[in-house]
Structure formats: C-alpha cells, structure tokens
Amino acid sequence: MEQSLAEYYRPILKWAGGKRQLLPILLKYSPAKFNTYYEPFIGGAALLISLYSLNKIKSAVVSDTNKDLYNLYKTMKENPLKLIAALKDLKFKNNREDYYEARSLFNSTEDPVKRSALLIYLNRHGYNGLYRVNSENKFNVPFGRYSNPRMPSSENIMAFSNILKSCTILNLDFEMAVSHATRGDFVYFDPPYMPLNRTSYFTEYTNSGFDEKDQERLFRVYYELSKRGVYVMESNSSTEFIKELYKDFCIIEVDAKRNINSIGNRRNGIKELIITNYDV
C-alpha cells in the first residue's frame, strides 16, 4: 500500500511561506540520521513529506497553533475516507459567488470533516494560499481568481493520511510541542518569519500573531534544545535581528522567493536563513 501511494506524497495545502522551493537545500542540511522528528510549525508539511519519502521518519511529532490546520490533519489521519466523501459532496465551483458562500459556511460550521473539506476548497481557490483571520477569528481571505485551481485527488489524501499515521498531531504552542525532544531527535522550526520591514509584517496566521518577543522566546527554546543534544534547524528571514540572535550557531544564507505580494513584479528573490546547531 505504501509503495503504491508514494507517487502521491505531496502537500494538500498551498501554504504561504511553504518550503517546497527550498526542499533540496533543507534536505541537504538535515541530519543524516535522527530519532523522532519534531515540526511544531507544520504548515503545509513539505519537509515532513520529503523526509518520510526518503524513509528517514521513524516517528514524528507535528503541531500547530492553527486549530483549523490541526483539525484537517487529524481528520486526514483518522477519517480520510470521510474527508474524501465530503470533498466530493462540495458543489462549489471556481467563481466569486461560490467562494464567498463556502467561506461563510466554513465560518459557521463546527463539523470537523465538513470544515476540513471547506478549508481545502478555500485554500485552493483563495488568494495566494493564505490563511488569515480577523479579530473575531473568522477566516477572511478574498477570492483568488485562479484560472484552473485543482483540488487534491483521493490518492493524494490517502497518501498523506498514510504519512500522518506515523505522527503524533498536536495543537500546542511550539515550546510545549518540543518539550519531550531528547538527544538524537531532530527539530525543524519554520516560524512566521521576522518581517523584513514594517509593510511586510504578515503574521495573521492565528488571531494572536507572532511578534519580536515570540522570536526571542523561540531562540531560547532553540538554545535549550541544543544544550540537550537535540539536532535543531530553523528557517527565518535574513534580518540583522535574527542574525544577531543566532550568531553563535551555523547560519546559511540562501536565495528564495516569496509570493505574498499582490503585485507580481514585486515577488522578487530575497535572502532567507537556514540556521543549524550542528555542522553542515
């Protein structure tokens, strides 16, 4: 079963800040061997999927404070067939009217399977794969106007479900999510990035955001894990603030591209950092 699904190992969601473009570099700088894998900002799970496909995942602990993302992955792990059926039952097409009707339904339903199916639809048809909520914790991403967005296949969902069966899925703050990591484990942090400037400040991932104090707290957790002998790798933006925080660790600057800007010609290549507490 696992071999037949391998070709469908790919993220279910288009996640802003997703790491698919950086995967070759992240894989290159990941530890050759490790015990349990931890990813407390799981997002689209691109690195988890790649490590699993390379048979490097023995067990994993993944987490996110985004309750809808947690619910989706929990549903996908425990009830993939129900999720597939719910996706097939969706009658929404690729137009503004259907999108905003689906968004309204998503913000009003509490059924976990229906909510998961609607999240996938909204993610594939909304603007730039964003997840954003307002002060009332309501999803408010506008229609994306894609010419031909594709929904994930049943095989894609079953393959991802197969991966998640080896994972403990949590809905915790990153510090709590990695609290049991021990020597020889591998933690990958992909937090909401430190903004390059005030206008690029996008952290509305949950209604609580992720600010400079959170970045400093993340560094303290990174440092404590390092003292325990845990392999730690982090992705973040190339700013003087982040470079100063992690100056005693291995910092690798890489080229990347971000797609959040609404003006296409401003989606320029930028520098990002990969930070490890081990030699690469």
Protein backbone atom coordinates (compact mmCIF):
# COMPACT_ATOMS: atom_id res chain seq x y z
CA MET A 1 0.00 0.00 0.00
CA GLU A 2 2.75 2.43 0.99
CA GLN A 3 4.71 1.87 -2.22
CA SER A 4 1.62 2.37 -4.38
CA LEU A 5 0.89 5.69 -2.66
CA ALA A 6 4.46 7.04 -2.78
CA GLU A 7 3.95 8.92 -6.04
CA TYR A 8 1.16 10.92 -4.36
CA TYR A 9 3.28 12.19 -1.45
CA ARG A 10 2.75 15.95 -1.73
CA PRO A 11 1.28 18.75 0.39
CA ILE A 12 -2.51 19.02 0.49
CA LEU A 13 -2.48 22.77 1.02
CA LYS A 14 -0.83 25.73 -0.72
CA TRP A 15 0.59 27.31 2.39
CA ALA A 16 2.00 30.85 2.44
CA GLY A 17 5.65 30.50 3.41
CA GLY A 18 5.65 26.85 2.37
CA LYS A 19 9.05 25.26 1.85
CA ARG A 20 8.67 23.30 -1.40
CA GLN A 21 11.10 25.59 -3.27
CA LEU A 22 13.73 25.21 -0.53
CA LEU A 23 13.34 21.45 -0.07
CA PRO A 24 16.61 20.45 -1.81
CA ILE A 25 18.54 22.79 0.49
CA LEU A 26 16.64 21.76 3.62
CA LEU A 27 17.22 18.10 2.85
CA LYS A 28 20.89 18.75 2.18
CA TYR A 29 21.33 20.38 5.58
CA SER A 30 19.14 17.98 7.59
CA PRO A 31 20.91 15.44 9.85
CA ALA A 32 21.75 12.19 8.09
CA LYS A 33 20.19 10.17 10.92
CA PHE A 34 17.94 11.07 13.82
CA ASN A 35 15.36 9.55 16.11
CA THR A 36 12.00 11.31 16.46
CA TYR A 37 11.26 14.19 14.10
CA TYR A 38 9.54 17.29 15.50
CA GLU A 39 7.93 20.08 13.47
CA PRO A 40 5.97 22.49 15.68
CA PHE A 41 5.01 24.92 12.85
CA ILE A 42 3.80 22.20 10.49
CA GLY A 43 2.11 24.38 7.83
CA GLY A 44 1.97 22.52 4.53
CA ALA A 45 4.31 19.79 5.85
CA ALA A 46 6.60 19.77 2.81
CA LEU A 47 9.73 18.74 4.74
CA LEU A 48 7.89 16.05 6.70
CA ILE A 49 6.64 14.54 3.44
CA SER A 50 10.08 14.60 1.84
CA LEU A 51 11.82 13.05 4.85
CA TYR A 52 9.15 10.36 5.00
CA SER A 53 9.54 9.58 1.30
CA LEU A 54 13.28 9.09 1.91
CA ASN A 55 12.49 6.61 4.73
CA LYS A 56 14.06 8.90 7.34
CA ILE A 57 10.97 9.21 9.57
CA LYS A 58 10.68 6.59 12.30
CA SER A 59 8.22 8.60 14.34
CA ALA A 60 7.21 12.23 14.31
CA VAL A 61 5.52 14.86 16.47
CA VAL A 62 3.90 17.65 14.47
CA SER A 63 1.99 20.58 15.85
CA ASP A 64 0.39 23.89 15.02
CA THR A 65 -1.48 26.54 16.95
CA ASN A 66 -3.78 26.94 13.95
CA LYS A 67 -6.80 24.91 15.06
CA ASP A 68 -8.14 24.50 11.52
CA LEU A 69 -4.84 23.09 10.30
CA TYR A 70 -4.72 20.76 13.31
CA ASN A 71 -8.29 19.65 12.62
CA LEU A 72 -7.53 19.00 8.95
CA TYR A 73 -4.51 16.80 9.66
CA LYS A 74 -6.29 14.98 12.49
CA THR A 75 -9.26 14.33 10.19
CA MET A 76 -6.96 13.22 7.39
CA LYS A 77 -5.17 10.80 9.72
CA GLU A 78 -8.27 9.31 11.36
CA ASN A 79 -11.04 9.68 8.76
CA PRO A 80 -9.53 10.05 5.28
CA LEU A 81 -12.43 8.30 3.54
CA LYS A 82 -14.97 10.61 5.19
CA LEU A 83 -12.88 13.60 4.09
CA ILE A 84 -12.74 12.31 0.51
CA ALA A 85 -16.52 11.85 0.53
CA ALA A 86 -17.04 15.37 1.94
CA LEU A 87 -14.83 16.85 -0.78
CA LYS A 88 -16.85 15.05 -3.45
CA ASP A 89 -20.06 16.42 -1.93
CA LEU A 90 -18.88 20.02 -2.28
CA LYS A 91 -20.71 21.68 -5.17
CA PHE A 92 -18.75 24.93 -5.13
CA LYS A 93 -17.13 25.99 -8.39
CA ASN A 94 -14.34 28.44 -9.22
CA ASN A 95 -16.26 31.72 -9.01
CA ARG A 96 -16.66 34.56 -6.53
CA GLU A 97 -20.23 33.72 -5.52
CA ASP A 98 -19.44 30.09 -4.68
CA TYR A 99 -16.21 31.03 -2.92
CA TYR A 100 -17.86 33.52 -0.56
CA GLU A 101 -20.74 31.12 0.09
CA ALA A 102 -18.16 28.44 1.01
CA ARG A 103 -16.29 30.92 3.21
CA SER A 104 -19.47 31.82 5.06
CA LEU A 105 -20.29 28.13 5.58
CA PHE A 106 -16.75 27.47 6.81
CA ASN A 107 -17.07 30.26 9.38
CA SER A 108 -20.38 28.90 10.68
CA THR A 109 -19.95 25.11 10.76
CA GLU A 110 -18.34 23.16 13.59
CA ASP A 111 -18.44 19.75 11.91
CA PRO A 112 -14.74 18.72 11.74
CA VAL A 113 -14.95 16.76 8.47
CA LYS A 114 -17.01 19.39 6.65
CA ARG A 115 -14.76 22.14 7.98
CA SER A 116 -11.68 20.26 6.73
CA ALA A 117 -13.16 19.82 3.25
CA LEU A 118 -14.13 23.50 3.10
CA LEU A 119 -10.64 24.54 4.22
CA ILE A 120 -9.12 22.63 1.30
CA TYR A 121 -11.54 24.27 -1.15
CA LEU A 122 -10.89 27.76 0.27
CA ASN A 123 -7.14 27.19 0.27
CA ARG A 124 -7.09 26.12 -3.37
CA HIS A 125 -9.41 28.93 -4.53
CA GLY A 126 -8.48 31.78 -2.15
CA TYR A 127 -5.83 34.42 -2.64
CA ASN A 128 -2.26 33.05 -2.69
CA GLY A 129 -2.93 30.13 -0.37
CA LEU A 130 -3.20 32.47 2.60
CA TYR A 131 -4.78 31.63 5.92
CA ARG A 132 -5.88 34.81 7.66
CA VAL A 133 -8.43 35.55 10.33
CA ASN A 134 -9.96 38.76 11.61
CA SER A 135 -10.34 39.96 15.20
CA GLU A 136 -13.37 37.68 15.61
CA ASN A 137 -11.27 34.70 14.47
CA LYS A 138 -13.23 34.42 11.21
CA PHE A 139 -11.46 33.35 8.03
CA ASN A 140 -11.42 36.39 5.71
CA VAL A 141 -9.10 35.64 2.77
CA PRO A 142 -10.56 37.01 -0.50
CA PHE A 143 -11.27 35.07 -3.69
CA GLY A 144 -8.12 34.22 -5.61
CA ARG A 145 -9.32 34.34 -9.24
CA TYR A 146 -7.23 31.40 -10.47
CA SER A 147 -7.99 30.15 -13.96
CA ASN A 148 -8.00 26.44 -13.14
CA PRO A 149 -7.31 25.55 -9.48
CA ARG A 150 -7.03 21.83 -8.82
CA MET A 151 -8.30 20.03 -5.76
CA PRO A 152 -6.21 17.20 -4.25
CA SER A 153 -7.01 13.72 -5.50
CA SER A 154 -8.30 10.88 -3.35
CA GLU A 155 -4.91 9.18 -3.81
CA ASN A 156 -3.15 12.33 -2.59
CA ILE A 157 -5.26 12.39 0.58
CA MET A 158 -4.78 8.67 1.26
CA ALA A 159 -1.01 9.04 0.77
CA PHE A 160 -0.85 11.95 3.22
CA SER A 161 -3.02 10.00 5.66
CA ASN A 162 -0.51 7.18 5.42
CA ILE A 163 2.30 9.56 6.45
CA LEU A 164 0.28 11.03 9.32
CA LYS A 165 -0.26 7.58 10.80
CA SER A 166 3.37 7.72 11.97
CA CYS A 167 2.80 11.15 13.56
CA THR A 168 1.51 12.43 16.85
CA ILE A 169 -0.52 15.52 15.92
CA LEU A 170 -0.75 18.32 18.48
CA ASN A 171 -2.42 21.72 18.76
CA LEU A 172 0.12 23.35 21.07
CA ASP A 173 2.45 26.29 21.33
CA PHE A 174 5.84 25.45 19.81
CA GLU A 175 7.59 25.38 23.20
CA MET A 176 5.20 22.74 24.55
CA ALA A 177 5.25 20.78 21.30
CA VAL A 178 9.00 20.09 21.55
CA SER A 179 9.20 19.73 25.33
CA HIS A 180 9.85 15.98 25.15
CA ALA A 181 12.57 16.13 22.48
CA THR A 182 15.75 14.37 23.64
CA ARG A 183 19.31 13.75 22.43
CA GLY A 184 19.38 12.47 18.86
CA ASP A 185 15.94 13.82 17.93
CA PHE A 186 15.56 16.39 15.14
CA VAL A 187 13.50 19.58 15.48
CA TYR A 188 12.73 21.79 12.49
CA PHE A 189 11.39 25.27 13.24
CA ASP A 190 9.65 27.15 10.42
CA PRO A 191 8.03 30.01 12.35
CA PRO A 192 6.19 33.01 10.93
CA TYR A 193 9.18 34.94 9.62
CA MET A 194 10.63 38.05 11.17
CA PRO A 195 9.42 40.83 8.80
CA LEU A 196 11.97 42.43 6.51
CA ASN A 197 10.22 45.75 7.09
CA ARG A 198 7.01 47.08 8.60
CA THR A 199 4.99 46.75 5.40
CA SER A 200 5.87 43.07 5.05
CA TYR A 201 4.57 42.18 8.51
CA PHE A 202 2.32 39.21 7.82
CA THR A 203 1.70 37.11 10.92
CA GLU A 204 -2.10 36.82 10.95
CA TYR A 205 -1.70 33.06 10.90
CA THR A 206 -3.81 32.95 14.03
CA ASN A 207 -5.50 35.91 15.65
CA SER A 208 -2.63 36.19 18.15
CA GLY A 209 0.19 36.80 15.62
CA PHE A 210 3.91 36.14 16.13
CA ASP A 211 5.96 39.14 17.19
CA GLU A 212 9.52 40.03 18.17
CA LYS A 213 9.07 38.67 21.70
CA ASP A 214 7.96 35.36 20.22
CA GLN A 215 11.10 35.31 18.06
CA GLU A 216 13.20 35.83 21.19
CA ARG A 217 11.33 33.06 23.01
CA LEU A 218 11.89 30.78 20.03
CA PHE A 219 15.61 31.46 20.27
CA ARG A 220 15.60 30.50 23.96
CA VAL A 221 13.87 27.21 23.12
CA TYR A 222 16.36 26.63 20.28
CA TYR A 223 19.23 27.21 22.73
CA GLU A 224 17.78 24.86 25.38
CA LEU A 225 17.22 22.09 22.84
CA SER A 226 20.81 22.50 21.71
CA LYS A 227 22.06 22.02 25.26
CA ARG A 228 20.05 18.75 25.42
CA GLY A 229 21.77 17.34 22.35
CA VAL A 230 18.80 17.74 20.01
CA TYR A 231 19.52 18.47 16.34
CA VAL A 232 17.80 21.78 15.52
CA MET A 233 17.29 23.53 12.19
CA GLU A 234 15.36 26.75 11.66
CA SER A 235 14.26 28.78 8.65
CA ASN A 236 13.79 32.52 9.03
CA SER A 237 14.20 35.80 7.18
CA SER A 238 17.62 37.32 6.64
CA THR A 239 17.48 40.25 9.05
CA GLU A 240 20.11 41.68 11.37
CA PHE A 241 17.84 40.92 14.32
CA ILE A 242 17.78 37.19 13.54
CA LYS A 243 21.47 37.07 12.64
CA GLU A 244 22.38 38.67 15.96
CA LEU A 245 20.17 36.28 17.93
CA TYR A 246 21.73 33.17 16.36
CA LYS A 247 25.26 34.47 15.90
CA ASP A 248 26.76 31.52 17.83
CA PHE A 249 25.16 28.94 15.54
CA CYS A 250 25.68 27.91 11.92
CA ILE A 251 23.89 30.43 9.66
CA ILE A 252 23.48 29.72 5.94
CA GLU A 253 22.02 32.41 3.69
CA VAL A 254 20.05 31.12 0.71
CA ASP A 255 18.11 32.60 -2.21
CA ALA A 256 14.34 32.31 -2.03
CA LYS A 257 11.20 33.81 -3.50
CA ARG A 258 8.08 34.92 -1.72
CA ASN A 259 4.68 35.10 -3.37
CA ILE A 260 2.54 37.01 -0.88
CA ASN A 261 2.85 40.42 -2.56
CA SER A 262 -0.23 41.22 -4.64
CA ILE A 263 1.88 42.89 -7.34
CA GLY A 264 3.53 40.19 -9.40
CA ASN A 265 6.71 42.07 -10.28
CA ARG A 266 7.37 42.69 -6.57
CA ARG A 267 7.58 38.99 -5.81
CA ASN A 268 11.32 39.25 -6.05
CA GLY A 269 14.02 36.87 -4.98
CA ILE A 270 15.21 37.54 -1.44
CA LYS A 271 17.61 36.05 1.06
CA GLU A 272 16.48 33.66 3.77
CA LEU A 273 18.40 31.95 6.56
CA ILE A 274 18.80 28.33 7.47
CA ILE A 275 20.18 28.05 10.99
CA THR A 276 21.55 24.81 12.44
CA ASN A 277 23.13 23.87 15.77
CA TYR A 278 25.31 21.26 14.06
CA ASP A 279 27.98 21.39 11.36
CA VAL A 280 26.70 21.10 7.80
